[in-house]
Amino acid sequence: MADVTYYVALPFGTGDDGPEPREAVECISASAAILQAERMARTEGHIGAVAFSRTGDPGSGEFADAVVLLSFGVVPDDLSEL
């Protein structure tokens, strides 16, 4: 199967140990993910958001590391778990 790129907007709220992820939204393009992340960061209850992409093979479950497109507000310093 060919590689597929997913675009995602992921908001963050306040957790006991700092920013914690909330429910992610898959988007149709990089620009849509960036716009969605910006909206999420301004939504009550969120302290920030990040737009990122991941490319890989859904059949095998192998994906490259996430690529951060843009972040807004307060997000964790280490986004390697995306």
Protein backbone atom coordinates (compact mmCIF):
# COMPACT_ATOMS: atom_id res chain seq x y z
CA MET A 1 0.00 0.00 0.00
CA ALA A 2 1.20 3.52 -0.75
CA ASP A 3 2.11 5.98 1.97
CA VAL A 4 -0.63 8.32 3.15
CA THR A 5 -0.25 11.70 4.83
CA TYR A 6 -2.66 12.63 7.61
CA TYR A 7 -3.13 16.24 8.73
CA VAL A 8 -4.21 16.76 12.31
CA ALA A 9 -5.14 19.62 14.65
CA LEU A 10 -4.59 18.77 18.32
CA PRO A 11 -5.73 21.07 21.14
CA PHE A 12 -4.25 21.17 24.64
CA GLY A 13 -5.88 21.94 27.96
CA THR A 14 -4.47 22.41 31.44
CA GLY A 15 -3.52 19.18 33.17
CA ASP A 16 -2.00 18.40 36.55
CA ASP A 17 1.49 18.28 35.03
CA GLY A 18 1.09 21.05 32.44
CA PRO A 19 -0.48 21.02 28.97
CA GLU A 20 -2.33 17.82 28.16
CA PRO A 21 -3.80 16.78 24.81
CA ARG A 22 -7.52 16.89 24.13
CA GLU A 23 -9.44 15.34 21.21
CA ALA A 24 -7.59 15.57 17.89
CA VAL A 25 -9.33 16.40 14.61
CA GLU A 26 -8.19 15.01 11.26
CA CYS A 27 -8.17 17.64 8.49
CA ILE A 28 -8.11 17.47 4.69
CA SER A 29 -4.95 19.53 4.16
CA ALA A 30 -2.06 21.24 5.90
CA SER A 31 -3.74 24.64 5.64
CA ALA A 32 -7.00 23.25 7.06
CA ALA A 33 -5.10 21.75 10.00
CA ILE A 34 -3.38 25.07 10.69
CA LEU A 35 -6.67 26.99 10.60
CA GLN A 36 -8.36 24.41 12.83
CA ALA A 37 -5.50 24.49 15.34
CA GLU A 38 -5.66 28.29 15.48
CA ARG A 39 -9.41 28.12 16.19
CA MET A 40 -8.90 25.43 18.82
CA ALA A 41 -6.24 27.49 20.61
CA ARG A 42 -8.77 30.33 20.98
CA THR A 43 -11.56 28.06 22.24
CA GLU A 44 -12.52 28.24 25.90
CA GLY A 45 -10.94 25.43 27.88
CA HIS A 46 -7.94 25.17 25.56
CA ILE A 47 -4.58 26.79 26.25
CA GLY A 48 -3.02 26.01 22.88
CA ALA A 49 -3.04 23.75 19.84
CA VAL A 50 -0.71 22.28 17.28
CA ALA A 51 -1.16 21.38 13.61
CA PHE A 52 0.93 18.46 12.42
CA SER A 53 1.21 15.84 9.71
CA ARG A 54 2.21 12.18 9.75
CA THR A 55 3.10 10.08 6.73
CA GLY A 56 3.15 6.33 6.59
CA ASP A 57 1.53 3.07 5.63
CA PRO A 58 -1.80 2.47 7.40
CA GLY A 59 -1.69 -1.20 6.39
CA SER A 60 1.54 -1.92 8.22
CA GLY A 61 1.08 0.74 10.90
CA GLU A 62 4.53 2.17 10.18
CA PHE A 63 4.64 5.97 10.24
CA ALA A 64 7.40 8.55 10.14
CA ASP A 65 7.73 11.02 12.99
CA ALA A 66 5.13 13.77 13.10
CA VAL A 67 6.02 17.05 11.40
CA VAL A 68 4.79 20.12 13.29
CA LEU A 69 3.26 22.57 10.85
CA LEU A 70 2.47 25.35 13.33
CA SER A 71 1.62 25.74 17.00
CA PHE A 72 -0.48 28.30 18.86
CA GLY A 73 -0.57 29.24 22.53
CA VAL A 74 0.81 26.91 25.19
CA VAL A 75 1.85 23.45 23.99
CA PRO A 76 4.34 20.96 25.45
CA ASP A 77 8.01 21.53 24.64
CA ASP A 78 8.41 17.88 23.67
CA LEU A 79 5.97 16.87 20.93
CA SER A 80 7.81 13.67 20.05
CA GLU A 81 4.85 11.56 21.21
CA LEU A 82 2.56 12.88 18.44
